[in-house]
Structures are given as C-alpha cells and as structure tokens.
Amino acid sequence: MVMDEVGLGKRLQRVRRQAGLTQQELCSKANISYSTLAKIERGAIKAPSIFTIQSIAGAVGVGLDELLGLHTVSHQSDKRTTRSGVKFIYFDLNDCLVRLHTIAFTQLAQDSGQPVDIVESVYWKYNEAVNKGEISLDELNTVWAQRLGIMVDWKSYYLRAVDPMPGMAELLAEVAQYYYVGILSNTNEGFIDSLMAQGTIPKLAYNAIVDSSVEHAIKPEPRIYEVAEAKASLPPSELLLVDDSRPNLVAAEKLGWHTLWFDAYNPEESIQAIRQTLEL
C-alpha cells in the first residue's frame, strides 16, 4: 500500500482534535514519542510504521481505514436536521467561541515600551500570512522583536488575553448532542490545541476542525469553505456557519451555506438566535 504521508498527517490532526486531545495527551495514550507524532502530523516521516498508526488510531478511537483515508466518514442516524435543512454547524473561534481582548496588544506595548499602534501595525501586517501558514509564529516573533526591541512569544500573550465567550461552552455541549459540530477558524498555528489544553474552548468530540494555518487558506477565500464541506461530507445546503465577520458570512452564503452573525458584544442574544435556528 502506498501511503500519503501529508494526507495522513492532516487526518491525524483532525481526528486528534475531534477527540479533544493535545499532542502530548495523544503521545501518552498511544505510547509514542512527541517527536514521532509531530513528524507524522507534518508528513515528515516516509511510510511510518503501520503498528504506530494502529496505536494512534486506537488512542483517538477511529478505525485504521479512516485514519489512512480509505473510506469517508459515515453519518449517524440519530442526528437532527432543522426545518431549513441544517445538519452541521461550524463555529468561528475568535469573538465567537472566545472573546479576544485588546489587552494582549496593551501588555506587549507596556513590556516593550512602544506605542500600542506600533504593536498593532505589526500584527495586522502579518496576521493574514501567519493564519495561512505562510509565515511561522517564530518568524512573526522575530519581526516583533526587531520592531519592539524585546523577545516576544505572541502565543503566550494571546492565550493570556482570551476568555471563553459567556454561554458558548454550554451551548456547544447541547448542540453536539443533536447536530454535527465543527470549528472553522482563521487562526495561528497551534492556537486551537492550546486553547483546548487550557480549557478556554470545550474539549468536545468535534466532527471537523478546519484550521486556516493547516489548510493554508483563510475565510473568506472559497477554498477554505470547500475544505470544510469535504470534512463534513455534506453539501453546502446542510451546513451552518456561525461567525462574527460579515464578509466571512457573505462568502459562505454565496456558496450555498446557511449563516448566522454572532455579536461578540451581545452573546446572550446571539446564543438565543442559534438556539431558535437549531430548534433547541
């Protein structure tokens, strides 16, 4: 059997995240080294041992064929469909599942002694490229260090600055009982894993996680929605995107998705709208 190492790495990342496991937790369950797992997820190991793959499959609770990409994901008969045809709900991350405060920029400005506008200008100049995986976090940190004059670990600043969006953990747990649930996010590499590890976003058995830094595409580009459709194994007419960005929602609508705008400043009202849409 010819093995697609890159495809295997992406599937492994997906099923690990669906199982709510960090890389370290999976290594412990599968009894493999962190370096081995990291290389497999990057597609850097040529023809990894089938015994290693079997151990990983068992640890994340999927069949060997699914991990190797030999069949598509089947859909459970006990899941609901709304009257409008929605079966699968994708949630955005920032300002939807988590609330991103500007304190990250303020703290970095204080630590460096530079104006906040300088900090933000670097972030917005490079953020899209980092989200697409074109620039690594290490490269972004290097740019910031050159501009600000201090060593910077942007992930640490980000993780300290975000809070769970009020009410969303409870909503996701309920939604996941009745519908397929996924995350579709423009995000930096490793942020979703870290947010799960520190409990900022729920550790659910997500049916799909579409991470822009892994897929090398961002919303509102059509390709990331196509990836999300493929991972859901459902047509656009059966998908719902909950997002705080109007352009992201418009792009999804043009492709035939259902959409709901999430107001990060009024989560209670947005959660109620989601509940009504999903008939909960």
C-alpha atoms as a PDB file:
ATOM      1  CA  MET A   1       0.000   0.000   0.000  1.00  0.00           C
ATOM      2  CA  VAL A   2       1.308   3.451  -0.984  1.00  0.00           C
ATOM      3  CA  MET A   3       0.919   5.845   1.928  1.00  0.00           C
ATOM      4  CA  ASP A   4       0.124   9.542   1.508  1.00  0.00           C
ATOM      5  CA  GLU A   5       2.159  10.972   4.398  1.00  0.00           C
ATOM      6  CA  VAL A   6       0.842  14.532   4.040  1.00  0.00           C
ATOM      7  CA  GLY A   7      -2.782  13.358   3.870  1.00  0.00           C
ATOM      8  CA  LEU A   8      -2.207  11.073   6.840  1.00  0.00           C
ATOM      9  CA  GLY A   9      -0.778  13.961   8.852  1.00  0.00           C
ATOM     10  CA  LYS A  10      -3.809  16.158   8.161  1.00  0.00           C
ATOM     11  CA  ARG A  11      -6.258  13.361   9.011  1.00  0.00           C
ATOM     12  CA  LEU A  12      -4.358  12.604  12.200  1.00  0.00           C
ATOM     13  CA  GLN A  13      -4.500  16.255  13.239  1.00  0.00           C
ATOM     14  CA  ARG A  14      -8.235  16.299  12.526  1.00  0.00           C
ATOM     15  CA  VAL A  15      -9.160  13.141  14.457  1.00  0.00           C
ATOM     16  CA  ARG A  16      -6.874  14.075  17.366  1.00  0.00           C
ATOM     17  CA  ARG A  17      -8.608  17.419  17.717  1.00  0.00           C
ATOM     18  CA  GLN A  18     -12.028  15.810  17.306  1.00  0.00           C
ATOM     19  CA  ALA A  19     -11.104  13.548  20.219  1.00  0.00           C
ATOM     20  CA  GLY A  20     -10.199  16.639  22.264  1.00  0.00           C
ATOM     21  CA  LEU A  21      -6.569  15.547  22.687  1.00  0.00           C
ATOM     22  CA  THR A  22      -3.426  17.638  22.663  1.00  0.00           C
ATOM     23  CA  GLN A  23      -0.321  16.191  21.046  1.00  0.00           C
ATOM     24  CA  GLN A  24       1.135  15.405  24.475  1.00  0.00           C
ATOM     25  CA  GLU A  25      -2.047  13.619  25.597  1.00  0.00           C
ATOM     26  CA  LEU A  26      -2.156  11.507  22.443  1.00  0.00           C
ATOM     27  CA  CYS A  27       1.515  10.560  22.842  1.00  0.00           C
ATOM     28  CA  SER A  28       0.755   9.295  26.335  1.00  0.00           C
ATOM     29  CA  LYS A  29      -2.302   7.295  25.237  1.00  0.00           C
ATOM     30  CA  ALA A  30      -0.603   5.804  22.159  1.00  0.00           C
ATOM     31  CA  ASN A  31       2.742   5.264  23.925  1.00  0.00           C
ATOM     32  CA  ILE A  32       4.751   7.052  21.252  1.00  0.00           C
ATOM     33  CA  SER A  33       7.261   9.891  21.444  1.00  0.00           C
ATOM     34  CA  TYR A  34       6.282  13.513  20.911  1.00  0.00           C
ATOM     35  CA  SER A  35       8.822  13.925  18.101  1.00  0.00           C
ATOM     36  CA  THR A  36       7.371  10.921  16.241  1.00  0.00           C
ATOM     37  CA  LEU A  37       3.814  12.261  16.474  1.00  0.00           C
ATOM     38  CA  ALA A  38       4.848  15.776  15.463  1.00  0.00           C
ATOM     39  CA  LYS A  39       6.717  14.451  12.407  1.00  0.00           C
ATOM     40  CA  ILE A  40       3.763  12.277  11.342  1.00  0.00           C
ATOM     41  CA  GLU A  41       1.391  15.239  11.614  1.00  0.00           C
ATOM     42  CA  ARG A  42       3.763  17.304   9.452  1.00  0.00           C
ATOM     43  CA  GLY A  43       4.035  14.481   6.914  1.00  0.00           C
ATOM     44  CA  ALA A  44       7.781  14.371   7.558  1.00  0.00           C
ATOM     45  CA  ILE A  45       8.111  10.594   8.136  1.00  0.00           C
ATOM     46  CA  LYS A  46       8.237   8.495   4.976  1.00  0.00           C
ATOM     47  CA  ALA A  47       5.979   5.432   5.397  1.00  0.00           C
ATOM     48  CA  PRO A  48       5.542   5.461   9.202  1.00  0.00           C
ATOM     49  CA  SER A  49       5.183   2.062  10.845  1.00  0.00           C
ATOM     50  CA  ILE A  50       1.710   0.546  10.486  1.00  0.00           C
ATOM     51  CA  PHE A  51       1.977  -0.533  14.120  1.00  0.00           C
ATOM     52  CA  THR A  52       2.472   3.095  15.141  1.00  0.00           C
ATOM     53  CA  ILE A  53      -0.542   4.132  13.055  1.00  0.00           C
ATOM     54  CA  GLN A  54      -2.628   1.360  14.651  1.00  0.00           C
ATOM     55  CA  SER A  55      -1.666   2.571  18.132  1.00  0.00           C
ATOM     56  CA  ILE A  56      -2.629   6.133  17.223  1.00  0.00           C
ATOM     57  CA  ALA A  57      -5.946   5.027  15.687  1.00  0.00           C
ATOM     58  CA  GLY A  58      -6.826   3.121  18.835  1.00  0.00           C
ATOM     59  CA  ALA A  59      -5.900   6.051  21.059  1.00  0.00           C
ATOM     60  CA  VAL A  60      -8.133   8.512  19.179  1.00  0.00           C
ATOM     61  CA  GLY A  61     -10.952   5.992  18.789  1.00  0.00           C
ATOM     62  CA  VAL A  62     -11.108   5.650  14.995  1.00  0.00           C
ATOM     63  CA  GLY A  63     -10.587   2.725  12.651  1.00  0.00           C
ATOM     64  CA  LEU A  64      -7.311   2.203  10.854  1.00  0.00           C
ATOM     65  CA  ASP A  65      -9.026   2.614   7.472  1.00  0.00           C
ATOM     66  CA  GLU A  66     -10.422   6.007   8.448  1.00  0.00           C
ATOM     67  CA  LEU A  67      -7.033   7.256   9.630  1.00  0.00           C
ATOM     68  CA  LEU A  68      -5.433   6.036   6.407  1.00  0.00           C
ATOM     69  CA  GLY A  69      -8.169   7.718   4.358  1.00  0.00           C
ATOM     70  CA  LEU A  70      -9.563   4.504   2.895  1.00  0.00           C
ATOM     71  CA  HIS A  71     -13.205   5.448   3.456  1.00  0.00           C
ATOM     72  CA  THR A  72     -15.319   8.536   4.107  1.00  0.00           C
ATOM     73  CA  VAL A  73     -16.842   9.412   7.451  1.00  0.00           C
ATOM     74  CA  SER A  74     -20.351   7.980   7.839  1.00  0.00           C
ATOM     75  CA  HIS A  75     -23.181   9.998   9.311  1.00  0.00           C
ATOM     76  CA  GLN A  76     -25.144   8.914  12.344  1.00  0.00           C
ATOM     77  CA  SER A  77     -28.885   8.372  12.001  1.00  0.00           C
ATOM     78  CA  ASP A  78     -29.639   9.848  15.436  1.00  0.00           C
ATOM     79  CA  LYS A  79     -28.581  13.388  14.473  1.00  0.00           C
ATOM     80  CA  ARG A  80     -31.201  16.036  13.753  1.00  0.00           C
ATOM     81  CA  THR A  81     -31.923  18.139  10.690  1.00  0.00           C
ATOM     82  CA  THR A  82     -33.565  21.552  11.089  1.00  0.00           C
ATOM     83  CA  ARG A  83     -36.605  22.509   9.029  1.00  0.00           C
ATOM     84  CA  SER A  84     -34.264  24.594   6.857  1.00  0.00           C
ATOM     85  CA  GLY A  85     -32.046  21.545   6.224  1.00  0.00           C
ATOM     86  CA  VAL A  86     -29.112  22.238   8.574  1.00  0.00           C
ATOM     87  CA  LYS A  87     -27.246  19.183   9.888  1.00  0.00           C
ATOM     88  CA  PHE A  88     -23.755  20.529  10.634  1.00  0.00           C
ATOM     89  CA  ILE A  89     -22.789  23.714  12.474  1.00  0.00           C
ATOM     90  CA  TYR A  90     -19.362  25.294  12.108  1.00  0.00           C
ATOM     91  CA  PHE A  91     -18.412  27.840  14.777  1.00  0.00           C
ATOM     92  CA  ASP A  92     -15.809  30.563  14.370  1.00  0.00           C
ATOM     93  CA  LEU A  93     -13.145  30.879  17.068  1.00  0.00           C
ATOM     94  CA  ASN A  94     -12.199  34.486  17.853  1.00  0.00           C
ATOM     95  CA  ASP A  95     -15.088  36.623  19.116  1.00  0.00           C
ATOM     96  CA  CYS A  96     -17.384  33.623  18.892  1.00  0.00           C
ATOM     97  CA  LEU A  97     -16.041  30.739  20.989  1.00  0.00           C
ATOM     98  CA  VAL A  98     -13.553  33.012  22.734  1.00  0.00           C
ATOM     99  CA  ARG A  99     -13.509  36.719  23.460  1.00  0.00           C
ATOM    100  CA  LEU A 100     -10.286  38.360  22.273  1.00  0.00           C
ATOM    101  CA  HIS A 101      -9.359  41.396  24.361  1.00  0.00           C
ATOM    102  CA  THR A 102      -7.055  44.184  23.201  1.00  0.00           C
ATOM    103  CA  ILE A 103      -5.148  43.661  26.455  1.00  0.00           C
ATOM    104  CA  ALA A 104      -2.705  41.472  24.510  1.00  0.00           C
ATOM    105  CA  PHE A 105      -1.591  44.480  22.471  1.00  0.00           C
ATOM    106  CA  THR A 106      -1.625  46.757  25.504  1.00  0.00           C
ATOM    107  CA  GLN A 107       0.522  44.371  27.553  1.00  0.00           C
ATOM    108  CA  LEU A 108       3.005  43.880  24.732  1.00  0.00           C
ATOM    109  CA  ALA A 109       3.245  47.654  24.318  1.00  0.00           C
ATOM    110  CA  GLN A 110       3.886  48.096  28.044  1.00  0.00           C
ATOM    111  CA  ASP A 111       6.520  45.344  28.094  1.00  0.00           C
ATOM    112  CA  SER A 112       8.353  46.816  25.113  1.00  0.00           C
ATOM    113  CA  GLY A 113       7.878  50.495  25.926  1.00  0.00           C
ATOM    114  CA  GLN A 114       6.499  51.057  22.427  1.00  0.00           C
ATOM    115  CA  PRO A 115       3.186  52.689  21.429  1.00  0.00           C
ATOM    116  CA  VAL A 116       0.195  50.370  21.011  1.00  0.00           C
ATOM    117  CA  ASP A 117      -0.237  51.448  17.387  1.00  0.00           C
ATOM    118  CA  ILE A 118       3.230  50.088  16.548  1.00  0.00           C
ATOM    119  CA  VAL A 119       2.334  46.726  18.111  1.00  0.00           C
ATOM    120  CA  GLU A 120      -0.983  46.547  16.278  1.00  0.00           C
ATOM    121  CA  SER A 121       0.534  47.585  12.954  1.00  0.00           C
ATOM    122  CA  VAL A 122       2.901  44.602  13.045  1.00  0.00           C
ATOM    123  CA  TYR A 123       0.052  42.262  13.964  1.00  0.00           C
ATOM    124  CA  TRP A 124      -2.265  43.366  11.166  1.00  0.00           C
ATOM    125  CA  LYS A 125       0.517  43.473   8.599  1.00  0.00           C
ATOM    126  CA  TYR A 126       1.490  39.837   9.157  1.00  0.00           C
ATOM    127  CA  ASN A 127      -1.579  38.206  10.724  1.00  0.00           C
ATOM    128  CA  GLU A 128      -3.138  37.045   7.454  1.00  0.00           C
ATOM    129  CA  ALA A 129       0.110  35.405   6.337  1.00  0.00           C
ATOM    130  CA  VAL A 130       0.507  33.695   9.729  1.00  0.00           C
ATOM    131  CA  ASN A 131      -3.093  32.482   9.618  1.00  0.00           C
ATOM    132  CA  LYS A 132      -2.441  30.973   6.184  1.00  0.00           C
ATOM    133  CA  GLY A 133       0.706  29.244   7.394  1.00  0.00           C
ATOM    134  CA  GLU A 134       2.862  31.268   5.016  1.00  0.00           C
ATOM    135  CA  ILE A 135       4.802  32.742   7.939  1.00  0.00           C
ATOM    136  CA  SER A 136       5.509  30.771  11.118  1.00  0.00           C
ATOM    137  CA  LEU A 137       4.914  32.077  14.618  1.00  0.00           C
ATOM    138  CA  ASP A 138       8.667  32.070  15.143  1.00  0.00           C
ATOM    139  CA  GLU A 139       9.065  34.353  12.144  1.00  0.00           C
ATOM    140  CA  LEU A 140       6.338  36.668  13.448  1.00  0.00           C
ATOM    141  CA  ASN A 141       8.014  36.777  16.859  1.00  0.00           C
ATOM    142  CA  THR A 142      11.283  37.672  15.168  1.00  0.00           C
ATOM    143  CA  VAL A 143       9.660  40.564  13.292  1.00  0.00           C
ATOM    144  CA  TRP A 144       8.126  41.830  16.521  1.00  0.00           C
ATOM    145  CA  ALA A 145      11.452  41.517  18.335  1.00  0.00           C
ATOM    146  CA  GLN A 146      13.137  43.597  15.639  1.00  0.00           C
ATOM    147  CA  ARG A 147      10.440  46.285  15.801  1.00  0.00           C
ATOM    148  CA  LEU A 148       9.934  46.330  19.579  1.00  0.00           C
ATOM    149  CA  GLY A 149      13.402  45.533  20.860  1.00  0.00           C
ATOM    150  CA  ILE A 150      12.364  42.637  23.141  1.00  0.00           C
ATOM    151  CA  MET A 151      11.897  38.890  22.764  1.00  0.00           C
ATOM    152  CA  VAL A 152       8.224  38.151  22.005  1.00  0.00           C
ATOM    153  CA  ASP A 153       6.138  34.986  22.349  1.00  0.00           C
ATOM    154  CA  TRP A 154       2.866  36.024  20.710  1.00  0.00           C
ATOM    155  CA  LYS A 155       1.069  32.781  21.606  1.00  0.00           C
ATOM    156  CA  SER A 156       1.618  33.440  25.319  1.00  0.00           C
ATOM    157  CA  TYR A 157       0.251  36.986  25.036  1.00  0.00           C
ATOM    158  CA  TYR A 158      -2.759  35.709  23.080  1.00  0.00           C
ATOM    159  CA  LEU A 159      -3.569  32.848  25.458  1.00  0.00           C
ATOM    160  CA  ARG A 160      -3.463  35.149  28.474  1.00  0.00           C
ATOM    161  CA  ALA A 161      -5.736  37.679  26.771  1.00  0.00           C
ATOM    162  CA  VAL A 162      -8.626  35.450  25.663  1.00  0.00           C
ATOM    163  CA  ASP A 163     -11.574  34.317  27.761  1.00  0.00           C
ATOM    164  CA  PRO A 164     -14.324  31.818  26.973  1.00  0.00           C
ATOM    165  CA  MET A 165     -17.292  33.548  25.357  1.00  0.00           C
ATOM    166  CA  PRO A 166     -20.020  33.533  28.033  1.00  0.00           C
ATOM    167  CA  GLY A 167     -22.579  30.796  27.466  1.00  0.00           C
ATOM    168  CA  MET A 168     -20.866  29.197  24.474  1.00  0.00           C
ATOM    169  CA  ALA A 169     -19.413  26.148  26.243  1.00  0.00           C
ATOM    170  CA  GLU A 170     -22.869  25.187  27.458  1.00  0.00           C
ATOM    171  CA  LEU A 171     -24.386  25.841  24.043  1.00  0.00           C
ATOM    172  CA  LEU A 172     -21.794  23.721  22.205  1.00  0.00           C
ATOM    173  CA  ALA A 173     -22.306  20.818  24.589  1.00  0.00           C
ATOM    174  CA  GLU A 174     -26.047  20.901  23.879  1.00  0.00           C
ATOM    175  CA  VAL A 175     -25.678  21.411  20.123  1.00  0.00           C
ATOM    176  CA  ALA A 176     -23.245  18.466  19.898  1.00  0.00           C
ATOM    177  CA  GLN A 177     -25.903  16.149  21.340  1.00  0.00           C
ATOM    178  CA  TYR A 178     -28.185  16.729  18.369  1.00  0.00           C
ATOM    179  CA  TYR A 179     -26.090  18.008  15.455  1.00  0.00           C
ATOM    180  CA  TYR A 180     -22.641  17.643  13.911  1.00  0.00           C
ATOM    181  CA  VAL A 181     -20.338  20.350  15.266  1.00  0.00           C
ATOM    182  CA  GLY A 182     -17.066  21.786  13.999  1.00  0.00           C
ATOM    183  CA  ILE A 183     -14.680  24.727  14.254  1.00  0.00           C
ATOM    184  CA  LEU A 184     -13.892  26.813  11.160  1.00  0.00           C
ATOM    185  CA  SER A 185     -11.315  29.435  12.083  1.00  0.00           C
ATOM    186  CA  ASN A 186      -8.713  31.841  10.810  1.00  0.00           C
ATOM    187  CA  THR A 187      -6.071  31.190  13.446  1.00  0.00           C
ATOM    188  CA  ASN A 188      -2.353  30.934  14.114  1.00  0.00           C
ATOM    189  CA  GLU A 189      -0.603  27.573  14.230  1.00  0.00           C
ATOM    190  CA  GLY A 190      -1.263  25.540  17.364  1.00  0.00           C
ATOM    191  CA  PHE A 191      -3.711  28.013  18.911  1.00  0.00           C
ATOM    192  CA  ILE A 192      -6.731  25.678  18.823  1.00  0.00           C
ATOM    193  CA  ASP A 193      -4.799  22.892  20.570  1.00  0.00           C
ATOM    194  CA  SER A 194      -3.527  25.315  23.212  1.00  0.00           C
ATOM    195  CA  LEU A 195      -6.993  26.760  23.844  1.00  0.00           C
ATOM    196  CA  MET A 196      -8.370  23.244  24.356  1.00  0.00           C
ATOM    197  CA  ALA A 197      -5.476  22.313  26.623  1.00  0.00           C
ATOM    198  CA  GLN A 198      -6.073  25.280  28.933  1.00  0.00           C
ATOM    199  CA  GLY A 199      -9.848  24.779  28.893  1.00  0.00           C
ATOM    200  CA  THR A 200     -10.715  28.028  27.130  1.00  0.00           C
ATOM    201  CA  ILE A 201     -12.703  26.180  24.466  1.00  0.00           C
ATOM    202  CA  PRO A 202     -14.590  22.945  25.185  1.00  0.00           C
ATOM    203  CA  LYS A 203     -12.910  19.581  24.667  1.00  0.00           C
ATOM    204  CA  LEU A 204     -15.712  18.095  22.582  1.00  0.00           C
ATOM    205  CA  ALA A 205     -15.649  15.286  20.047  1.00  0.00           C
ATOM    206  CA  TYR A 206     -15.709  17.785  17.170  1.00  0.00           C
ATOM    207  CA  ASN A 207     -16.783  16.254  13.883  1.00  0.00           C
ATOM    208  CA  ALA A 208     -14.389  18.521  11.997  1.00  0.00           C
ATOM    209  CA  ILE A 209     -11.835  21.227  12.734  1.00  0.00           C
ATOM    210  CA  VAL A 210     -10.801  23.472   9.861  1.00  0.00           C
ATOM    211  CA  ASP A 211      -7.686  25.388  10.895  1.00  0.00           C
ATOM    212  CA  SER A 212      -6.543  28.023   8.393  1.00  0.00           C
ATOM    213  CA  SER A 213      -2.879  27.603   9.320  1.00  0.00           C
ATOM    214  CA  VAL A 214      -3.122  23.874   8.476  1.00  0.00           C
ATOM    215  CA  GLU A 215      -5.187  24.282   5.307  1.00  0.00           C
ATOM    216  CA  HIS A 216      -3.180  27.296   4.028  1.00  0.00           C
ATOM    217  CA  ALA A 217      -6.404  29.154   3.256  1.00  0.00           C
ATOM    218  CA  ILE A 218      -8.470  31.677   5.199  1.00  0.00           C
ATOM    219  CA  LYS A 219     -12.037  32.916   5.280  1.00  0.00           C
ATOM    220  CA  PRO A 220     -13.480  34.443   3.124  1.00  0.00           C
ATOM    221  CA  GLU A 221     -11.498  32.564   0.450  1.00  0.00           C
ATOM    222  CA  PRO A 222     -13.709  29.950  -1.279  1.00  0.00           C
ATOM    223  CA  ARG A 223     -11.163  27.149  -0.824  1.00  0.00           C
ATOM    224  CA  ILE A 224     -11.455  27.007   2.969  1.00  0.00           C
ATOM    225  CA  TYR A 225     -15.214  26.551   2.684  1.00  0.00           C
ATOM    226  CA  GLU A 226     -14.637  23.750   0.168  1.00  0.00           C
ATOM    227  CA  VAL A 227     -12.304  22.081   2.677  1.00  0.00           C
ATOM    228  CA  ALA A 228     -14.973  22.449   5.368  1.00  0.00           C
ATOM    229  CA  GLU A 229     -17.591  20.888   3.091  1.00  0.00           C
ATOM    230  CA  ALA A 230     -15.304  17.952   2.331  1.00  0.00           C
ATOM    231  CA  LYS A 231     -14.562  17.360   6.008  1.00  0.00           C
ATOM    232  CA  ALA A 232     -18.253  17.481   6.864  1.00  0.00           C
ATOM    233  CA  SER A 233     -19.064  15.148   3.947  1.00  0.00           C
ATOM    234  CA  LEU A 234     -22.216  17.198   3.415  1.00  0.00           C
ATOM    235  CA  PRO A 235     -23.427  19.670   0.760  1.00  0.00           C
ATOM    236  CA  PRO A 236     -23.395  23.433   1.478  1.00  0.00           C
ATOM    237  CA  SER A 237     -27.195  23.475   1.893  1.00  0.00           C
ATOM    238  CA  GLU A 238     -26.815  21.360   5.057  1.00  0.00           C
ATOM    239  CA  LEU A 239     -24.091  23.499   6.668  1.00  0.00           C
ATOM    240  CA  LEU A 240     -24.455  26.476   9.010  1.00  0.00           C
ATOM    241  CA  LEU A 241     -21.649  28.946   9.767  1.00  0.00           C
ATOM    242  CA  VAL A 242     -21.775  30.989  12.974  1.00  0.00           C
ATOM    243  CA  ASP A 243     -19.267  33.848  12.633  1.00  0.00           C
ATOM    244  CA  ASP A 244     -18.759  37.430  13.813  1.00  0.00           C
ATOM    245  CA  SER A 245     -17.407  38.602  10.441  1.00  0.00           C
ATOM    246  CA  ARG A 246     -19.894  39.810   7.821  1.00  0.00           C
ATOM    247  CA  PRO A 247     -17.519  39.181   4.872  1.00  0.00           C
ATOM    248  CA  ASN A 248     -16.980  35.584   6.030  1.00  0.00           C
ATOM    249  CA  LEU A 249     -20.739  35.050   6.218  1.00  0.00           C
ATOM    250  CA  VAL A 250     -21.385  36.626   2.815  1.00  0.00           C
ATOM    251  CA  ALA A 251     -18.770  34.354   1.228  1.00  0.00           C
ATOM    252  CA  ALA A 252     -20.408  31.299   2.799  1.00  0.00           C
ATOM    253  CA  GLU A 253     -23.873  32.403   1.645  1.00  0.00           C
ATOM    254  CA  LYS A 254     -22.639  32.737  -1.943  1.00  0.00           C
ATOM    255  CA  LEU A 255     -21.560  29.093  -1.778  1.00  0.00           C
ATOM    256  CA  GLY A 256     -24.992  27.987  -0.551  1.00  0.00           C
ATOM    257  CA  TRP A 257     -24.359  27.779   3.211  1.00  0.00           C
ATOM    258  CA  HIS A 258     -26.751  28.869   5.942  1.00  0.00           C
ATOM    259  CA  THR A 259     -25.256  31.623   8.130  1.00  0.00           C
ATOM    260  CA  LEU A 260     -25.778  33.385  11.459  1.00  0.00           C
ATOM    261  CA  TRP A 261     -23.974  36.516  12.595  1.00  0.00           C
ATOM    262  CA  PHE A 262     -22.541  36.331  16.112  1.00  0.00           C
ATOM    263  CA  ASP A 263     -22.435  39.580  18.064  1.00  0.00           C
ATOM    264  CA  ALA A 264     -19.482  39.316  20.460  1.00  0.00           C
ATOM    265  CA  TYR A 265     -20.804  42.344  22.389  1.00  0.00           C
ATOM    266  CA  ASN A 266     -24.178  40.679  22.935  1.00  0.00           C
ATOM    267  CA  PRO A 267     -23.553  36.922  23.179  1.00  0.00           C
ATOM    268  CA  GLU A 268     -26.807  36.228  25.008  1.00  0.00           C
ATOM    269  CA  GLU A 269     -28.876  37.453  22.066  1.00  0.00           C
ATOM    270  CA  SER A 270     -26.694  35.592  19.565  1.00  0.00           C
ATOM    271  CA  ILE A 271     -26.949  32.356  21.543  1.00  0.00           C
ATOM    272  CA  GLN A 272     -30.714  32.715  21.611  1.00  0.00           C
ATOM    273  CA  ALA A 273     -30.739  33.149  17.820  1.00  0.00           C
ATOM    274  CA  ILE A 274     -28.654  29.987  17.431  1.00  0.00           C
ATOM    275  CA  ARG A 275     -30.982  28.052  19.715  1.00  0.00           C
ATOM    276  CA  GLN A 276     -34.007  29.213  17.736  1.00  0.00           C
ATOM    277  CA  THR A 277     -32.390  28.322  14.416  1.00  0.00           C
ATOM    278  CA  LEU A 278     -31.484  24.852  15.671  1.00  0.00           C
ATOM    279  CA  GLU A 279     -34.873  24.395  17.349  1.00  0.00           C
ATOM    280  CA  LEU A 280     -33.339  23.696  20.754  1.00  0.00           C
END
